[in-house]
Amino acid sequence: MKCEKCGYKSKNNREKHKTFLCQICYSFSPDNESSFTDYVAEKIDGSVLETFRKYSVSAGEKQKQGMIKKAIQGNLMSRAPFGYKIQDGKLIHAENSREIEEIFEEFLNKNLSLRKIAERHKLSVNGLKKVLKNFTYIGKIKFNNQIYEGGHQPIISTTLFNHVQNKIEKLEIK
């Protein structure tokens, strides 16, 4: 798509008022349709904007970089998972944290279906799968398919977690 204001060609150009604009022109465009029409009519040389394109980062990319930085520092990106709570901005064990270890032990050592274990702990089967695959329980943070050292105490051992992951893989649980 070609930006109708500066002529820049990109598949990332965005549409506003049925007009395609590059990221730079879009970010400065007015919302009012009549002002927008006047704005687009004032053509500019796209090469003037190259410096902006070179150094600009989208808001989404800025947010993602901030979240990666937070993960590197060992901070969680979302709400506290089952078995944890947030206190003073830190992830700490909740009153039910022992239940997490019970869930992992039951899955590994007892011949119970996921449905039975989920029912015992008042979880959905999908909720149980999320618990069993959650790196937070071994003191890690997973974000953007990367694993970082968390700034919180683990609930279970890495050994127990790895044995459970092996069983999940062996049983081909998705």
N, C-alpha and C. Protein backbone atom coordinates (compact mmCIF):
# COMPACT_ATOMS: atom_id res chain seq x y z
N MET A 1 0.84 -1.18 0.00
CA MET A 1 0.00 0.00 0.00
C MET A 1 0.88 1.25 0.00
N LYS A 2 0.42 2.26 -0.66
CA LYS A 2 1.15 3.51 -0.76
C LYS A 2 0.47 4.58 0.09
N CYS A 3 1.27 5.29 0.90
CA CYS A 3 0.74 6.38 1.71
C CYS A 3 0.28 7.49 0.77
N GLU A 4 -0.94 7.94 0.97
CA GLU A 4 -1.51 8.95 0.07
C GLU A 4 -1.03 10.36 0.39
N LYS A 5 -0.30 10.54 1.48
CA LYS A 5 0.23 11.85 1.82
C LYS A 5 1.68 12.00 1.36
N CYS A 6 2.52 10.98 1.68
CA CYS A 6 3.96 11.12 1.37
C CYS A 6 4.45 10.15 0.31
N GLY A 7 3.62 9.16 -0.06
CA GLY A 7 3.99 8.23 -1.11
C GLY A 7 4.79 7.02 -0.64
N TYR A 8 5.00 6.88 0.68
CA TYR A 8 5.79 5.77 1.21
C TYR A 8 5.04 4.46 1.02
N LYS A 9 5.73 3.45 0.48
CA LYS A 9 5.12 2.15 0.24
C LYS A 9 5.50 1.19 1.36
N SER A 10 4.47 0.60 1.97
CA SER A 10 4.69 -0.39 3.03
C SER A 10 3.43 -1.21 3.22
N LYS A 11 3.62 -2.48 3.56
CA LYS A 11 2.46 -3.32 3.85
C LYS A 11 1.90 -2.99 5.24
N ASN A 12 2.64 -2.18 6.02
CA ASN A 12 2.19 -1.80 7.36
C ASN A 12 1.41 -0.49 7.39
N ASN A 13 1.18 0.12 6.21
CA ASN A 13 0.40 1.35 6.17
C ASN A 13 -1.00 1.09 6.71
N ARG A 14 -1.55 2.09 7.37
CA ARG A 14 -2.84 1.96 8.04
C ARG A 14 -3.92 2.77 7.33
N GLU A 15 -5.15 2.35 7.50
CA GLU A 15 -6.27 3.02 6.85
C GLU A 15 -7.00 3.92 7.85
N LYS A 16 -7.31 5.12 7.40
CA LYS A 16 -8.09 6.07 8.19
C LYS A 16 -8.97 6.84 7.22
N HIS A 17 -10.25 6.91 7.50
CA HIS A 17 -11.22 7.59 6.61
C HIS A 17 -11.06 7.11 5.16
N LYS A 18 -10.91 5.80 5.00
CA LYS A 18 -10.78 5.15 3.68
C LYS A 18 -9.55 5.61 2.91
N THR A 19 -8.53 6.04 3.64
CA THR A 19 -7.28 6.51 3.04
C THR A 19 -6.11 5.81 3.72
N PHE A 20 -5.16 5.32 2.91
CA PHE A 20 -4.00 4.64 3.49
C PHE A 20 -2.88 5.65 3.77
N LEU A 21 -2.32 5.53 5.00
CA LEU A 21 -1.22 6.40 5.43
C LEU A 21 -0.11 5.55 6.06
N CYS A 22 1.11 6.03 5.92
CA CYS A 22 2.22 5.36 6.61
C CYS A 22 2.10 5.65 8.11
N GLN A 23 2.88 4.96 8.91
CA GLN A 23 2.83 5.13 10.37
C GLN A 23 3.07 6.58 10.79
N ILE A 24 4.03 7.24 10.16
CA ILE A 24 4.38 8.62 10.54
C ILE A 24 3.23 9.57 10.20
N CYS A 25 2.75 9.51 8.98
CA CYS A 25 1.65 10.40 8.57
C CYS A 25 0.39 10.10 9.38
N TYR A 26 0.14 8.83 9.65
CA TYR A 26 -1.03 8.42 10.43
C TYR A 26 -0.98 9.02 11.84
N SER A 27 0.20 8.97 12.46
CA SER A 27 0.33 9.45 13.84
C SER A 27 0.06 10.95 13.97
N PHE A 28 0.26 11.71 12.90
CA PHE A 28 0.03 13.16 12.94
C PHE A 28 -1.32 13.56 12.36
N SER A 29 -2.05 12.60 11.81
CA SER A 29 -3.30 12.93 11.12
C SER A 29 -4.41 13.28 12.10
N PRO A 30 -5.22 14.29 11.75
CA PRO A 30 -6.36 14.68 12.60
C PRO A 30 -7.48 13.65 12.51
N ASP A 31 -8.30 13.57 13.54
CA ASP A 31 -9.43 12.64 13.56
C ASP A 31 -10.63 13.18 12.79
N ASN A 32 -10.82 14.49 12.83
CA ASN A 32 -11.94 15.13 12.13
C ASN A 32 -11.78 14.90 10.63
N GLU A 33 -12.84 14.41 9.96
CA GLU A 33 -12.73 14.02 8.57
C GLU A 33 -12.42 15.18 7.61
N SER A 34 -13.01 16.35 7.84
CA SER A 34 -12.73 17.47 6.93
C SER A 34 -11.30 17.96 7.12
N SER A 35 -10.83 18.03 8.36
CA SER A 35 -9.43 18.42 8.62
C SER A 35 -8.50 17.36 8.05
N PHE A 36 -8.91 16.10 8.13
CA PHE A 36 -8.11 14.99 7.62
C PHE A 36 -7.94 15.12 6.11
N THR A 37 -9.02 15.46 5.41
CA THR A 37 -8.97 15.62 3.96
C THR A 37 -7.98 16.72 3.58
N ASP A 38 -8.02 17.84 4.30
CA ASP A 38 -7.07 18.93 4.05
C ASP A 38 -5.64 18.47 4.35
N TYR A 39 -5.48 17.71 5.43
CA TYR A 39 -4.16 17.20 5.85
C TYR A 39 -3.55 16.33 4.74
N VAL A 40 -4.35 15.40 4.19
CA VAL A 40 -3.85 14.50 3.15
C VAL A 40 -3.56 15.27 1.86
N ALA A 41 -4.35 16.31 1.59
CA ALA A 41 -4.16 17.09 0.36
C ALA A 41 -2.82 17.82 0.35
N GLU A 42 -2.30 18.14 1.54
CA GLU A 42 -0.99 18.79 1.64
C GLU A 42 0.09 17.73 1.50
N LYS A 43 0.46 17.42 0.28
CA LYS A 43 1.45 16.37 0.00
C LYS A 43 2.82 16.80 0.50
N ILE A 44 3.60 15.80 0.92
CA ILE A 44 4.99 16.07 1.34
C ILE A 44 5.91 15.06 0.69
N ASP A 45 7.17 15.41 0.61
CA ASP A 45 8.19 14.51 0.06
C ASP A 45 8.49 13.45 1.12
N GLY A 46 8.20 12.20 0.81
CA GLY A 46 8.39 11.10 1.75
C GLY A 46 9.81 10.93 2.24
N SER A 47 10.79 11.35 1.44
CA SER A 47 12.19 11.18 1.86
C SER A 47 12.52 12.05 3.08
N VAL A 48 11.75 13.12 3.28
CA VAL A 48 11.94 13.99 4.44
C VAL A 48 11.67 13.21 5.74
N LEU A 49 10.81 12.21 5.65
CA LEU A 49 10.41 11.45 6.84
C LEU A 49 11.32 10.26 7.15
N GLU A 50 12.32 10.01 6.31
CA GLU A 50 13.17 8.83 6.50
C GLU A 50 13.84 8.79 7.87
N THR A 51 14.29 9.94 8.37
CA THR A 51 14.92 9.99 9.69
C THR A 51 13.93 9.53 10.75
N PHE A 52 12.67 9.97 10.62
CA PHE A 52 11.64 9.56 11.59
C PHE A 52 11.39 8.05 11.51
N ARG A 53 11.33 7.54 10.28
CA ARG A 53 11.10 6.10 10.11
C ARG A 53 12.25 5.30 10.72
N LYS A 54 13.44 5.79 10.53
CA LYS A 54 14.63 5.08 11.00
C LYS A 54 14.66 4.97 12.53
N TYR A 55 14.22 6.00 13.21
CA TYR A 55 14.35 6.03 14.67
C TYR A 55 13.04 5.87 15.43
N SER A 56 11.94 5.79 14.71
CA SER A 56 10.67 5.67 15.42
C SER A 56 10.40 4.21 15.78
N VAL A 57 9.80 4.02 16.92
CA VAL A 57 9.40 2.70 17.38
C VAL A 57 7.91 2.79 17.68
N SER A 58 7.17 1.81 17.21
CA SER A 58 5.73 1.84 17.44
C SER A 58 5.43 1.73 18.94
N ALA A 59 4.26 2.20 19.32
CA ALA A 59 3.85 2.15 20.73
C ALA A 59 3.83 0.70 21.21
N GLY A 60 3.36 -0.20 20.37
CA GLY A 60 3.33 -1.62 20.73
C GLY A 60 4.72 -2.18 20.98
N GLU A 61 5.65 -1.77 20.13
CA GLU A 61 7.04 -2.24 20.29
C GLU A 61 7.66 -1.68 21.56
N LYS A 62 7.37 -0.41 21.87
CA LYS A 62 7.86 0.19 23.12
C LYS A 62 7.32 -0.58 24.32
N GLN A 63 6.03 -0.91 24.26
CA GLN A 63 5.39 -1.63 25.36
C GLN A 63 6.02 -3.01 25.52
N LYS A 64 6.25 -3.69 24.40
CA LYS A 64 6.85 -5.03 24.44
C LYS A 64 8.26 -4.96 25.02
N GLN A 65 9.03 -3.96 24.62
CA GLN A 65 10.40 -3.80 25.16
C GLN A 65 10.36 -3.55 26.66
N GLY A 66 9.39 -2.77 27.11
CA GLY A 66 9.23 -2.52 28.54
C GLY A 66 8.87 -3.79 29.30
N MET A 67 8.04 -4.62 28.69
CA MET A 67 7.64 -5.87 29.31
C MET A 67 8.81 -6.86 29.36
N ILE A 68 9.62 -6.88 28.31
CA ILE A 68 10.80 -7.75 28.31
C ILE A 68 11.76 -7.31 29.41
N LYS A 69 11.94 -6.00 29.55
CA LYS A 69 12.80 -5.47 30.60
C LYS A 69 12.28 -5.89 31.98
N LYS A 70 10.97 -5.82 32.15
CA LYS A 70 10.34 -6.21 33.40
C LYS A 70 10.58 -7.71 33.67
N ALA A 71 10.46 -8.53 32.62
CA ALA A 71 10.67 -9.98 32.76
C ALA A 71 12.13 -10.28 33.11
N ILE A 72 13.06 -9.58 32.47
CA ILE A 72 14.49 -9.77 32.75
C ILE A 72 14.78 -9.46 34.22
N GLN A 73 14.07 -8.49 34.77
CA GLN A 73 14.25 -8.13 36.18
C GLN A 73 13.53 -9.11 37.12
N GLY A 74 12.85 -10.10 36.54
CA GLY A 74 12.19 -11.12 37.34
C GLY A 74 10.79 -10.79 37.78
N ASN A 75 10.16 -9.81 37.14
CA ASN A 75 8.81 -9.39 37.52
C ASN A 75 7.77 -10.03 36.62
N LEU A 76 6.65 -10.38 37.21
CA LEU A 76 5.54 -10.99 36.50
C LEU A 76 4.80 -9.94 35.69
N MET A 77 4.27 -10.34 34.53
CA MET A 77 3.57 -9.42 33.64
C MET A 77 2.06 -9.40 33.87
N SER A 78 1.53 -10.40 34.54
CA SER A 78 0.08 -10.51 34.67
C SER A 78 -0.32 -10.64 36.13
N ARG A 79 -1.55 -11.09 36.35
CA ARG A 79 -2.00 -11.27 37.72
C ARG A 79 -1.28 -12.46 38.34
N ALA A 80 -1.37 -12.57 39.64
CA ALA A 80 -0.71 -13.66 40.36
C ALA A 80 -1.35 -14.99 39.99
N PRO A 81 -0.53 -16.00 39.66
CA PRO A 81 -1.11 -17.31 39.36
C PRO A 81 -1.61 -17.99 40.63
N PHE A 82 -2.46 -18.99 40.44
CA PHE A 82 -3.00 -19.79 41.53
C PHE A 82 -1.85 -20.24 42.43
N GLY A 83 -1.99 -20.02 43.74
CA GLY A 83 -0.94 -20.41 44.69
C GLY A 83 -0.04 -19.26 45.10
N TYR A 84 -0.18 -18.12 44.43
CA TYR A 84 0.60 -16.92 44.75
C TYR A 84 -0.36 -15.75 44.99
N LYS A 85 0.15 -14.71 45.60
CA LYS A 85 -0.57 -13.45 45.70
C LYS A 85 0.46 -12.33 45.58
N ILE A 86 -0.02 -11.15 45.27
CA ILE A 86 0.88 -10.00 45.15
C ILE A 86 0.73 -9.16 46.41
N GLN A 87 1.86 -8.92 47.05
CA GLN A 87 1.88 -8.09 48.26
C GLN A 87 3.03 -7.10 48.14
N ASP A 88 2.71 -5.82 48.28
CA ASP A 88 3.71 -4.76 48.13
C ASP A 88 4.45 -4.87 46.79
N GLY A 89 3.72 -5.22 45.74
CA GLY A 89 4.30 -5.32 44.41
C GLY A 89 5.14 -6.56 44.18
N LYS A 90 5.19 -7.46 45.15
CA LYS A 90 6.00 -8.68 45.04
C LYS A 90 5.10 -9.90 45.02
N LEU A 91 5.53 -10.91 44.30
CA LEU A 91 4.81 -12.18 44.23
C LEU A 91 5.24 -13.04 45.42
N ILE A 92 4.28 -13.41 46.26
CA ILE A 92 4.58 -14.24 47.43
C ILE A 92 3.62 -15.43 47.47
N HIS A 93 4.00 -16.45 48.25
CA HIS A 93 3.14 -17.62 48.39
C HIS A 93 1.83 -17.23 49.04
N ALA A 94 0.74 -17.76 48.50
CA ALA A 94 -0.59 -17.55 49.09
C ALA A 94 -0.88 -18.70 50.05
N GLU A 95 -1.98 -18.59 50.76
CA GLU A 95 -2.36 -19.61 51.74
C GLU A 95 -2.53 -20.98 51.08
N ASN A 96 -2.91 -21.00 49.81
CA ASN A 96 -3.16 -22.26 49.10
C ASN A 96 -1.93 -22.75 48.31
N SER A 97 -0.75 -22.24 48.58
CA SER A 97 0.43 -22.62 47.79
C SER A 97 0.77 -24.10 47.91
N ARG A 98 0.48 -24.70 49.04
CA ARG A 98 0.75 -26.13 49.23
C ARG A 98 -0.07 -26.97 48.24
N GLU A 99 -1.23 -26.46 47.85
CA GLU A 99 -2.08 -27.17 46.91
C GLU A 99 -1.39 -27.36 45.55
N ILE A 100 -0.54 -26.42 45.18
CA ILE A 100 0.19 -26.53 43.91
C ILE A 100 1.08 -27.77 43.92
N GLU A 101 1.83 -27.94 44.99
CA GLU A 101 2.70 -29.12 45.10
C GLU A 101 1.86 -30.40 45.07
N GLU A 102 0.71 -30.39 45.74
CA GLU A 102 -0.19 -31.55 45.73
C GLU A 102 -0.64 -31.87 44.30
N ILE A 103 -0.98 -30.85 43.54
CA ILE A 103 -1.42 -31.04 42.15
C ILE A 103 -0.31 -31.70 41.33
N PHE A 104 0.91 -31.18 41.44
CA PHE A 104 2.02 -31.74 40.68
C PHE A 104 2.30 -33.18 41.11
N GLU A 105 2.29 -33.44 42.40
CA GLU A 105 2.54 -34.79 42.92
C GLU A 105 1.45 -35.76 42.46
N GLU A 106 0.20 -35.35 42.54
CA GLU A 106 -0.90 -36.22 42.10
C GLU A 106 -0.78 -36.56 40.63
N PHE A 107 -0.49 -35.57 39.81
CA PHE A 107 -0.37 -35.81 38.38
C PHE A 107 0.76 -36.78 38.09
N LEU A 108 1.89 -36.60 38.78
CA LEU A 108 3.06 -37.42 38.53
C LEU A 108 2.92 -38.83 39.09
N ASN A 109 2.40 -38.97 40.31
CA ASN A 109 2.49 -40.24 41.03
C ASN A 109 1.20 -41.05 41.10
N LYS A 110 0.07 -40.43 40.85
CA LYS A 110 -1.19 -41.17 40.92
C LYS A 110 -1.73 -41.34 39.52
N ASN A 111 -2.38 -42.45 39.32
CA ASN A 111 -2.91 -42.75 37.99
C ASN A 111 -4.32 -42.16 37.86
N LEU A 112 -4.39 -40.82 37.92
CA LEU A 112 -5.67 -40.13 37.83
C LEU A 112 -5.75 -39.35 36.52
N SER A 113 -6.96 -39.23 36.02
CA SER A 113 -7.15 -38.43 34.80
C SER A 113 -7.03 -36.94 35.14
N LEU A 114 -6.78 -36.16 34.12
CA LEU A 114 -6.74 -34.69 34.31
C LEU A 114 -8.07 -34.21 34.86
N ARG A 115 -9.16 -34.78 34.39
CA ARG A 115 -10.49 -34.38 34.84
C ARG A 115 -10.65 -34.62 36.34
N LYS A 116 -10.21 -35.79 36.82
CA LYS A 116 -10.32 -36.13 38.25
C LYS A 116 -9.49 -35.17 39.10
N ILE A 117 -8.26 -34.90 38.67
CA ILE A 117 -7.40 -33.99 39.43
C ILE A 117 -8.00 -32.59 39.43
N ALA A 118 -8.50 -32.16 38.27
CA ALA A 118 -9.11 -30.83 38.16
C ALA A 118 -10.31 -30.72 39.10
N GLU A 119 -11.15 -31.73 39.11
CA GLU A 119 -12.33 -31.73 40.00
C GLU A 119 -11.92 -31.65 41.46
N ARG A 120 -10.90 -32.42 41.85
CA ARG A 120 -10.43 -32.42 43.24
C ARG A 120 -9.99 -31.04 43.71
N HIS A 121 -9.45 -30.26 42.77
CA HIS A 121 -8.89 -28.94 43.14
C HIS A 121 -9.74 -27.79 42.63
N LYS A 122 -10.97 -28.12 42.22
CA LYS A 122 -11.93 -27.11 41.76
C LYS A 122 -11.36 -26.25 40.63
N LEU A 123 -10.76 -26.91 39.66
CA LEU A 123 -10.20 -26.25 38.48
C LEU A 123 -10.86 -26.84 37.24
N SER A 124 -10.79 -26.12 36.14
CA SER A 124 -11.18 -26.70 34.86
C SER A 124 -9.99 -27.53 34.38
N VAL A 125 -10.21 -28.39 33.41
CA VAL A 125 -9.11 -29.19 32.87
C VAL A 125 -8.08 -28.25 32.23
N ASN A 126 -8.56 -27.23 31.51
CA ASN A 126 -7.62 -26.28 30.91
C ASN A 126 -6.86 -25.50 31.97
N GLY A 127 -7.54 -25.13 33.06
CA GLY A 127 -6.89 -24.46 34.17
C GLY A 127 -5.80 -25.33 34.79
N LEU A 128 -6.09 -26.62 34.92
CA LEU A 128 -5.10 -27.56 35.46
C LEU A 128 -3.89 -27.66 34.54
N LYS A 129 -4.13 -27.73 33.24
CA LYS A 129 -3.01 -27.79 32.29
C LYS A 129 -2.13 -26.55 32.41
N LYS A 130 -2.75 -25.38 32.58
CA LYS A 130 -1.99 -24.14 32.74
C LYS A 130 -1.13 -24.19 33.99
N VAL A 131 -1.69 -24.73 35.08
CA VAL A 131 -0.93 -24.86 36.33
C VAL A 131 0.28 -25.77 36.08
N LEU A 132 0.04 -26.92 35.46
CA LEU A 132 1.11 -27.91 35.26
C LEU A 132 2.22 -27.42 34.33
N LYS A 133 1.94 -26.44 33.49
CA LYS A 133 2.95 -25.95 32.54
C LYS A 133 3.54 -24.59 32.94
N ASN A 134 3.12 -24.07 34.10
CA ASN A 134 3.49 -22.70 34.49
C ASN A 134 4.87 -22.64 35.16
N PHE A 135 5.81 -21.96 34.51
CA PHE A 135 7.18 -21.82 35.01
C PHE A 135 7.27 -20.99 36.29
N THR A 136 6.25 -20.22 36.58
CA THR A 136 6.25 -19.39 37.78
C THR A 136 6.46 -20.26 39.02
N TYR A 137 5.94 -21.48 39.01
CA TYR A 137 6.01 -22.35 40.18
C TYR A 137 7.43 -22.83 40.50
N ILE A 138 8.36 -22.66 39.56
CA ILE A 138 9.77 -23.00 39.85
C ILE A 138 10.63 -21.73 39.95
N GLY A 139 9.97 -20.60 40.18
CA GLY A 139 10.71 -19.35 40.38
C GLY A 139 11.17 -18.67 39.11
N LYS A 140 10.54 -18.99 37.99
CA LYS A 140 10.91 -18.41 36.69
C LYS A 140 9.76 -17.57 36.15
N ILE A 141 10.08 -16.75 35.17
CA ILE A 141 9.09 -15.95 34.46
C ILE A 141 9.23 -16.31 32.98
N LYS A 142 8.10 -16.65 32.34
CA LYS A 142 8.12 -16.92 30.91
C LYS A 142 7.40 -15.78 30.22
N PHE A 143 8.10 -15.14 29.28
CA PHE A 143 7.51 -14.06 28.51
C PHE A 143 8.12 -14.07 27.12
N ASN A 144 7.30 -13.92 26.12
CA ASN A 144 7.75 -13.84 24.74
C ASN A 144 8.58 -15.07 24.36
N ASN A 145 8.14 -16.23 24.83
CA ASN A 145 8.82 -17.51 24.59
C ASN A 145 10.24 -17.57 25.13
N GLN A 146 10.56 -16.73 26.09
CA GLN A 146 11.86 -16.75 26.77
C GLN A 146 11.61 -17.00 28.25
N ILE A 147 12.57 -17.63 28.90
CA ILE A 147 12.43 -17.92 30.32
C ILE A 147 13.47 -17.10 31.07
N TYR A 148 13.01 -16.39 32.10
CA TYR A 148 13.86 -15.52 32.89
C TYR A 148 13.82 -15.94 34.36
N GLU A 149 14.85 -15.62 35.08
CA GLU A 149 14.88 -15.88 36.52
C GLU A 149 13.89 -14.94 37.19
N GLY A 150 12.99 -15.49 37.99
CA GLY A 150 11.99 -14.67 38.66
C GLY A 150 12.52 -14.08 39.95
N GLY A 151 11.87 -13.05 40.40
CA GLY A 151 12.24 -12.41 41.66
C GLY A 151 11.37 -12.92 42.81
N HIS A 152 10.89 -14.15 42.72
CA HIS A 152 10.00 -14.72 43.73
C HIS A 152 10.47 -16.12 44.11
N GLN A 153 9.95 -16.62 45.22
CA GLN A 153 10.30 -17.95 45.69
C GLN A 153 9.49 -19.00 44.94
N PRO A 154 10.14 -20.10 44.54
CA PRO A 154 9.40 -21.18 43.88
C PRO A 154 8.50 -21.92 44.88
N ILE A 155 7.47 -22.55 44.36
CA ILE A 155 6.60 -23.38 45.20
C ILE A 155 7.03 -24.85 45.11
N ILE A 156 7.49 -25.25 43.93
CA ILE A 156 7.92 -26.64 43.73
C ILE A 156 9.35 -26.68 43.24
N SER A 157 9.95 -27.86 43.29
CA SER A 157 11.34 -28.01 42.82
C SER A 157 11.37 -28.11 41.30
N THR A 158 12.49 -27.76 40.74
CA THR A 158 12.69 -27.87 39.29
C THR A 158 12.61 -29.33 38.87
N THR A 159 13.09 -30.22 39.72
CA THR A 159 13.06 -31.66 39.42
C THR A 159 11.62 -32.14 39.25
N LEU A 160 10.75 -31.78 40.22
CA LEU A 160 9.35 -32.18 40.13
C LEU A 160 8.71 -31.59 38.87
N PHE A 161 8.96 -30.32 38.60
CA PHE A 161 8.41 -29.65 37.42
C PHE A 161 8.86 -30.37 36.14
N ASN A 162 10.15 -30.69 36.04
CA ASN A 162 10.67 -31.36 34.84
C ASN A 162 10.08 -32.76 34.66
N HIS A 163 9.91 -33.50 35.76
CA HIS A 163 9.28 -34.82 35.66
C HIS A 163 7.85 -34.70 35.14
N VAL A 164 7.13 -33.70 35.62
CA VAL A 164 5.76 -33.47 35.16
C VAL A 164 5.75 -33.09 33.68
N GLN A 165 6.69 -32.24 33.25
CA GLN A 165 6.75 -31.86 31.83
C GLN A 165 7.03 -33.07 30.96
N ASN A 166 7.91 -33.97 31.44
CA ASN A 166 8.20 -35.20 30.69
C ASN A 166 6.95 -36.07 30.55
N LYS A 167 6.18 -36.18 31.63
CA LYS A 167 4.96 -36.98 31.59
C LYS A 167 3.93 -36.34 30.65
N ILE A 168 3.80 -35.02 30.69
CA ILE A 168 2.89 -34.31 29.80
C ILE A 168 3.26 -34.58 28.35
N GLU A 169 4.55 -34.53 28.06
CA GLU A 169 5.01 -34.78 26.69
C GLU A 169 4.77 -36.22 26.29
N LYS A 170 5.07 -37.14 27.19
CA LYS A 170 4.89 -38.57 26.94
C LYS A 170 3.41 -38.90 26.66
N LEU A 171 2.51 -38.26 27.42
CA LEU A 171 1.08 -38.49 27.25
C LEU A 171 0.49 -37.66 26.10
N GLU A 172 1.34 -36.83 25.49
CA GLU A 172 0.94 -35.95 24.38
C GLU A 172 -0.23 -35.05 24.76
N ILE A 173 -0.13 -34.46 25.95
CA ILE A 173 -1.16 -33.53 26.43
C ILE A 173 -0.86 -32.15 25.83
N LYS A 174 -1.84 -31.58 25.20
CA LYS A 174 -1.67 -30.25 24.59
C LYS A 174 -2.13 -29.17 25.52
